N, C-alpha and C. Protein backbone atom coordinates (compact mmCIF):
# COMPACT_ATOMS: atom_id res chain seq x y z
N MET A 1 124.48 36.65 253.40
CA MET A 1 124.64 38.27 253.49
C MET A 1 122.81 38.60 253.98
N ARG A 2 123.42 39.74 254.63
CA ARG A 2 122.00 40.40 255.48
C ARG A 2 120.89 40.82 254.66
N ARG A 3 119.93 40.62 254.75
CA ARG A 3 118.45 40.96 254.19
C ARG A 3 117.79 42.22 255.49
N ALA A 4 118.50 42.68 255.65
CA ALA A 4 118.50 43.60 257.05
C ALA A 4 118.60 44.86 257.23
N ILE A 5 118.30 45.78 256.91
CA ILE A 5 119.57 46.29 257.41
C ILE A 5 119.55 47.21 259.01
N THR A 6 120.84 47.54 259.09
CA THR A 6 121.33 47.02 261.11
C THR A 6 122.08 48.97 261.64
N ILE A 7 120.94 49.00 261.98
CA ILE A 7 121.30 50.71 262.83
C ILE A 7 121.98 50.70 264.19
N TYR A 8 123.20 51.21 264.30
CA TYR A 8 123.27 51.64 265.83
C TYR A 8 123.26 53.24 266.48
N VAL A 9 122.20 52.42 267.64
CA VAL A 9 122.68 54.26 267.86
C VAL A 9 122.77 54.02 269.50
N LYS A 10 122.65 55.12 270.13
CA LYS A 10 122.74 55.72 271.46
C LYS A 10 121.98 56.21 272.40
N SER A 11 121.59 55.11 273.29
CA SER A 11 120.54 56.22 274.00
C SER A 11 121.24 56.74 275.66
N GLU A 12 120.49 57.31 276.74
CA GLU A 12 121.03 57.87 277.87
C GLU A 12 119.85 57.31 278.85
N TRP A 13 119.75 56.99 280.12
CA TRP A 13 119.06 57.01 280.96
C TRP A 13 119.24 58.35 281.93
N LYS A 14 117.74 59.21 282.03
CA LYS A 14 117.84 60.30 282.15
C LYS A 14 117.38 60.06 283.47
N ILE A 15 117.23 60.80 284.76
CA ILE A 15 116.80 60.94 286.29
C ILE A 15 116.05 62.32 286.12
N LYS A 16 114.88 62.34 285.88
CA LYS A 16 114.10 63.60 286.45
C LYS A 16 113.94 63.51 287.88
N PRO A 17 114.51 64.33 288.62
CA PRO A 17 114.35 64.04 290.37
C PRO A 17 112.55 65.62 290.74
N PHE A 18 112.08 64.04 291.80
CA PHE A 18 111.08 64.34 292.32
C PHE A 18 109.82 64.58 290.84
N ALA A 19 109.43 63.96 290.42
CA ALA A 19 108.57 63.83 289.28
C ALA A 19 107.42 64.49 289.73
N SER A 20 107.17 63.41 290.82
CA SER A 20 105.45 63.21 291.83
C SER A 20 105.03 63.90 292.10
N THR A 21 103.95 64.50 292.40
CA THR A 21 103.73 65.73 292.76
C THR A 21 102.32 66.04 293.88
N PHE A 22 103.00 63.84 294.74
CA PHE A 22 101.69 64.05 294.85
C PHE A 22 101.35 64.98 296.66
N THR A 23 100.70 65.15 297.17
CA THR A 23 100.27 66.20 298.47
C THR A 23 99.68 65.55 299.74
N THR A 24 100.14 63.93 299.57
CA THR A 24 99.40 62.94 300.35
C THR A 24 100.34 62.80 301.72
N GLY A 25 101.80 63.12 301.85
CA GLY A 25 102.54 63.12 302.33
C GLY A 25 103.42 61.69 302.25
N TYR A 26 103.82 61.74 300.81
CA TYR A 26 104.42 60.61 300.54
C TYR A 26 105.27 60.87 299.99
N LEU A 27 106.83 60.56 300.22
CA LEU A 27 107.39 61.01 299.79
C LEU A 27 107.60 61.32 297.82
N PRO A 28 108.51 62.25 297.43
CA PRO A 28 108.17 62.65 295.86
C PRO A 28 109.27 61.24 295.36
N GLN A 29 109.17 60.49 294.23
CA GLN A 29 109.77 59.73 293.86
C GLN A 29 110.43 60.38 292.10
N HIS A 30 111.45 59.61 291.67
CA HIS A 30 111.82 59.94 291.01
C HIS A 30 111.80 59.55 289.82
N LYS A 31 111.89 60.10 288.12
CA LYS A 31 111.40 59.51 287.37
C LYS A 31 112.22 59.16 286.43
N ILE A 32 112.54 58.13 285.03
CA ILE A 32 113.78 57.46 285.23
C ILE A 32 113.58 57.67 283.61
N GLU A 33 113.62 58.49 282.49
CA GLU A 33 113.22 58.02 281.14
C GLU A 33 114.58 57.98 280.14
N ARG A 34 114.38 57.84 279.01
CA ARG A 34 115.52 57.27 278.28
C ARG A 34 115.54 58.24 277.03
N PHE A 35 116.83 58.67 277.00
CA PHE A 35 116.65 59.86 276.36
C PHE A 35 118.01 59.31 274.77
N ILE A 36 117.57 59.77 273.77
CA ILE A 36 118.31 59.70 272.71
C ILE A 36 118.57 60.61 271.76
N TRP A 37 119.45 61.20 271.35
CA TRP A 37 120.14 61.98 270.94
C TRP A 37 119.76 62.13 269.46
N ARG A 38 119.43 63.27 269.11
CA ARG A 38 118.48 64.07 267.85
C ARG A 38 119.41 63.28 266.87
N GLU A 39 120.46 62.97 266.77
CA GLU A 39 120.78 62.83 265.34
C GLU A 39 120.84 61.48 265.57
N ASP A 40 121.07 60.57 266.51
CA ASP A 40 120.29 58.98 266.18
C ASP A 40 118.91 58.84 265.60
N ALA A 41 118.11 59.34 266.54
CA ALA A 41 116.67 59.55 266.49
C ALA A 41 116.49 59.75 264.77
N MET A 42 117.48 60.90 264.19
CA MET A 42 117.07 61.13 262.30
C MET A 42 117.27 60.55 261.96
N MET A 43 118.34 58.96 261.63
CA MET A 43 118.76 58.62 261.49
C MET A 43 117.93 57.13 261.42
N LEU A 44 117.27 57.11 262.28
CA LEU A 44 116.32 56.23 262.92
C LEU A 44 115.19 56.09 262.53
N ARG A 45 114.76 57.60 262.55
CA ARG A 45 112.73 57.91 261.33
C ARG A 45 113.35 57.69 259.38
N VAL A 46 114.45 58.04 259.48
CA VAL A 46 115.18 57.56 258.12
C VAL A 46 115.10 56.14 257.91
N ALA A 47 115.89 55.62 258.32
CA ALA A 47 116.48 53.92 258.34
C ALA A 47 115.29 53.33 258.38
N THR A 48 114.48 53.68 259.31
CA THR A 48 112.50 53.00 259.21
C THR A 48 111.81 53.44 257.90
N GLU A 49 111.94 54.63 257.13
CA GLU A 49 111.18 54.57 256.21
C GLU A 49 111.70 53.80 255.30
N VAL A 50 113.49 53.78 254.79
CA VAL A 50 113.97 53.04 253.82
C VAL A 50 113.51 51.93 253.70
N ALA A 51 113.31 51.18 255.07
CA ALA A 51 113.60 50.04 254.80
C ALA A 51 111.95 49.43 254.87
N ALA A 52 110.93 50.09 254.95
CA ALA A 52 109.53 49.96 254.99
C ALA A 52 109.58 50.00 252.76
N GLU A 53 110.29 50.98 252.44
CA GLU A 53 110.14 51.65 251.13
C GLU A 53 111.07 50.77 250.61
N LEU A 54 111.79 49.69 250.58
CA LEU A 54 112.67 48.92 250.22
C LEU A 54 112.18 47.45 250.05
N GLY A 55 111.71 47.37 251.09
CA GLY A 55 110.79 45.98 252.41
C GLY A 55 112.38 44.84 252.70
N LEU A 56 112.39 45.63 253.34
CA LEU A 56 113.94 45.13 254.01
C LEU A 56 113.24 45.01 256.21
N LYS A 57 114.23 44.17 256.18
CA LYS A 57 113.49 44.01 258.12
C LYS A 57 115.03 45.43 258.41
N LEU A 58 114.39 45.81 259.35
CA LEU A 58 115.17 47.11 260.40
C LEU A 58 115.65 46.41 261.92
N GLU A 59 116.90 45.94 261.63
CA GLU A 59 117.34 45.97 263.41
C GLU A 59 118.17 46.62 264.06
N VAL A 60 117.43 47.05 264.98
CA VAL A 60 117.66 48.23 265.47
C VAL A 60 118.91 47.79 267.20
N TRP A 61 119.97 48.27 267.10
CA TRP A 61 120.87 47.96 268.12
C TRP A 61 120.85 49.37 269.17
N ASP A 62 121.04 49.20 270.26
CA ASP A 62 121.68 50.56 271.31
C ASP A 62 122.58 50.35 272.14
N LEU A 63 123.58 51.16 271.82
CA LEU A 63 124.53 50.65 272.96
C LEU A 63 124.57 51.16 273.75
N ALA A 64 123.53 51.63 274.48
CA ALA A 64 123.02 51.53 276.47
C ALA A 64 123.23 50.13 276.71
N THR A 65 122.67 49.01 276.32
CA THR A 65 122.52 48.03 277.09
C THR A 65 123.86 47.32 276.62
N PRO A 66 123.65 46.02 277.50
CA PRO A 66 124.87 45.01 277.12
C PRO A 66 125.32 44.31 275.92
N ARG A 67 123.79 43.86 275.05
CA ARG A 67 123.82 43.23 274.03
C ARG A 67 124.02 43.97 273.03
N GLY A 68 123.71 45.36 272.95
CA GLY A 68 123.64 46.00 271.65
C GLY A 68 125.20 46.55 271.55
N TRP A 69 126.20 47.11 272.78
CA TRP A 69 127.62 47.03 273.19
C TRP A 69 128.11 46.37 272.74
N PHE A 70 127.99 44.83 273.10
CA PHE A 70 129.16 44.02 272.57
C PHE A 70 129.08 43.55 271.41
N ASN A 71 127.53 43.53 270.22
CA ASN A 71 127.49 43.59 268.91
C ASN A 71 127.90 44.22 268.20
N ALA A 72 127.91 45.59 269.22
CA ALA A 72 129.31 46.95 267.75
C ALA A 72 130.65 46.53 268.03
N ILE A 73 131.16 46.17 269.09
CA ILE A 73 132.56 45.36 269.87
C ILE A 73 132.56 44.93 268.31
N ILE A 74 132.01 43.49 268.08
CA ILE A 74 131.92 42.55 267.20
C ILE A 74 132.05 43.20 265.60
N ASN A 75 131.05 44.08 265.41
CA ASN A 75 130.71 45.01 263.91
C ASN A 75 131.78 46.03 264.07
N LYS A 76 132.71 46.16 265.01
CA LYS A 76 133.77 47.70 264.99
C LYS A 76 133.25 48.74 265.14
N VAL A 77 132.23 48.65 265.47
CA VAL A 77 130.92 50.03 265.01
C VAL A 77 131.88 51.04 266.59
N LYS A 78 132.25 52.30 266.04
CA LYS A 78 132.97 53.61 266.77
C LYS A 78 132.36 54.59 266.56
N SER A 79 131.75 54.83 265.93
CA SER A 79 130.03 55.96 266.37
C SER A 79 128.83 56.03 266.33
N THR A 80 127.94 56.73 266.86
CA THR A 80 126.22 56.07 266.67
C THR A 80 126.32 57.95 265.78
N PRO A 81 125.47 57.71 264.61
CA PRO A 81 124.57 56.71 264.11
C PRO A 81 125.47 55.76 262.79
N THR A 82 125.53 54.99 262.71
CA THR A 82 125.99 53.77 262.33
C THR A 82 125.19 52.79 261.59
N ILE A 83 124.85 52.69 260.03
CA ILE A 83 124.21 51.70 259.28
C ILE A 83 124.82 50.62 258.23
N ILE A 84 124.16 49.43 258.65
CA ILE A 84 125.50 48.30 257.75
C ILE A 84 123.96 47.66 257.29
N PHE A 85 124.64 48.05 255.55
CA PHE A 85 123.50 46.75 255.43
C PHE A 85 124.61 46.02 254.28
N ASP A 86 124.75 44.59 254.11
CA ASP A 86 125.19 43.72 253.52
C ASP A 86 126.82 44.55 253.09
N ASP A 87 127.56 44.57 253.97
CA ASP A 87 128.76 45.00 253.91
C ASP A 87 128.93 46.55 253.49
N HIS A 88 127.95 47.40 253.94
CA HIS A 88 128.10 48.74 253.06
C HIS A 88 127.97 49.25 254.72
N ARG A 89 129.00 50.18 254.96
CA ARG A 89 129.07 51.09 256.03
C ARG A 89 128.85 52.53 256.41
N LEU A 90 127.68 53.11 256.80
CA LEU A 90 127.38 54.47 256.69
C LEU A 90 127.49 54.76 257.75
N GLN A 91 128.43 56.17 258.33
CA GLN A 91 128.79 56.68 259.77
C GLN A 91 127.96 58.26 259.40
N GLY A 92 127.46 58.18 260.37
CA GLY A 92 126.98 60.04 260.59
C GLY A 92 125.45 59.80 260.12
N VAL A 93 124.98 61.24 259.92
CA VAL A 93 124.29 61.63 259.55
C VAL A 93 123.68 61.85 258.03
N ILE A 94 122.76 61.27 257.10
CA ILE A 94 122.69 61.45 256.24
C ILE A 94 121.42 61.43 255.62
N SER A 95 121.37 61.92 254.62
CA SER A 95 119.34 62.51 253.94
C SER A 95 119.07 61.12 253.65
N LYS A 96 117.58 61.39 253.60
CA LYS A 96 116.93 59.59 252.87
C LYS A 96 117.34 59.55 251.38
N ALA A 97 117.20 60.06 250.57
CA ALA A 97 117.61 60.02 249.59
C ALA A 97 118.69 59.16 248.86
N GLU A 98 119.75 59.88 249.72
CA GLU A 98 121.36 59.38 249.91
C GLU A 98 121.08 57.62 250.15
N LEU A 99 120.14 57.78 251.10
CA LEU A 99 120.70 56.37 251.84
C LEU A 99 119.88 55.44 250.92
N VAL A 100 118.65 56.14 249.94
CA VAL A 100 117.88 54.87 249.30
C VAL A 100 119.15 54.19 248.52
N ASP A 101 119.93 56.01 247.42
CA ASP A 101 120.25 55.67 245.73
C ASP A 101 121.68 54.85 247.32
N ARG A 102 122.43 54.83 247.79
CA ARG A 102 123.84 54.14 248.11
C ARG A 102 122.69 52.16 248.63
N LEU A 103 121.73 52.04 249.01
CA LEU A 103 120.96 51.10 249.24
C LEU A 103 120.41 50.19 247.99
N LYS A 104 119.93 51.40 247.05
CA LYS A 104 119.18 50.18 245.76
C LYS A 104 119.79 49.50 245.07
N ASP A 105 120.87 49.87 244.69
CA ASP A 105 121.65 48.92 243.81
C ASP A 105 122.39 47.72 244.39
N THR A 106 122.44 47.71 246.19
CA THR A 106 122.87 46.29 246.26
C THR A 106 121.50 45.46 246.63
N VAL A 107 120.33 46.34 247.11
CA VAL A 107 118.89 45.42 246.59
C VAL A 107 119.06 45.28 245.62
N ASP A 108 119.09 45.87 244.41
CA ASP A 108 118.61 45.00 243.38
C ASP A 108 119.27 43.91 242.92
N GLN A 109 120.88 43.85 243.30
CA GLN A 109 121.70 42.65 243.20
C GLN A 109 121.25 42.07 243.91
N LEU A 110 120.83 42.01 244.86
CA LEU A 110 120.38 40.64 246.06
C LEU A 110 118.81 39.85 245.53
N ALA A 111 118.17 40.59 244.37
CA ALA A 111 117.36 40.33 244.12
C ALA A 111 117.47 39.49 243.01
N THR A 112 118.17 39.47 242.44
CA THR A 112 118.19 38.87 241.03
C THR A 112 119.04 37.97 241.20
């Protein structure tokens, strides 16, 4: 059984053209930043707080990476954000209280 909360999120790489402002005659450089969707960021924050509160490890898989994408296929993740804990699958944005409520019974059963 899992002793960790696993969350799947999706990020993107965004290119900001000509982010440098050098006046020395060098060509301007592009800047590449990682962007995570708002819903995924909210659930990542909630999952981090809940994992700390319940004393569990947090595993984060990003579908933008090959390892995260392959792991999501193995675990049949269809959309993000998705939280998996001990055969419980929660998809979409949920509140912290609802996540704690759903996971607390499972954590209590594992502790005994």
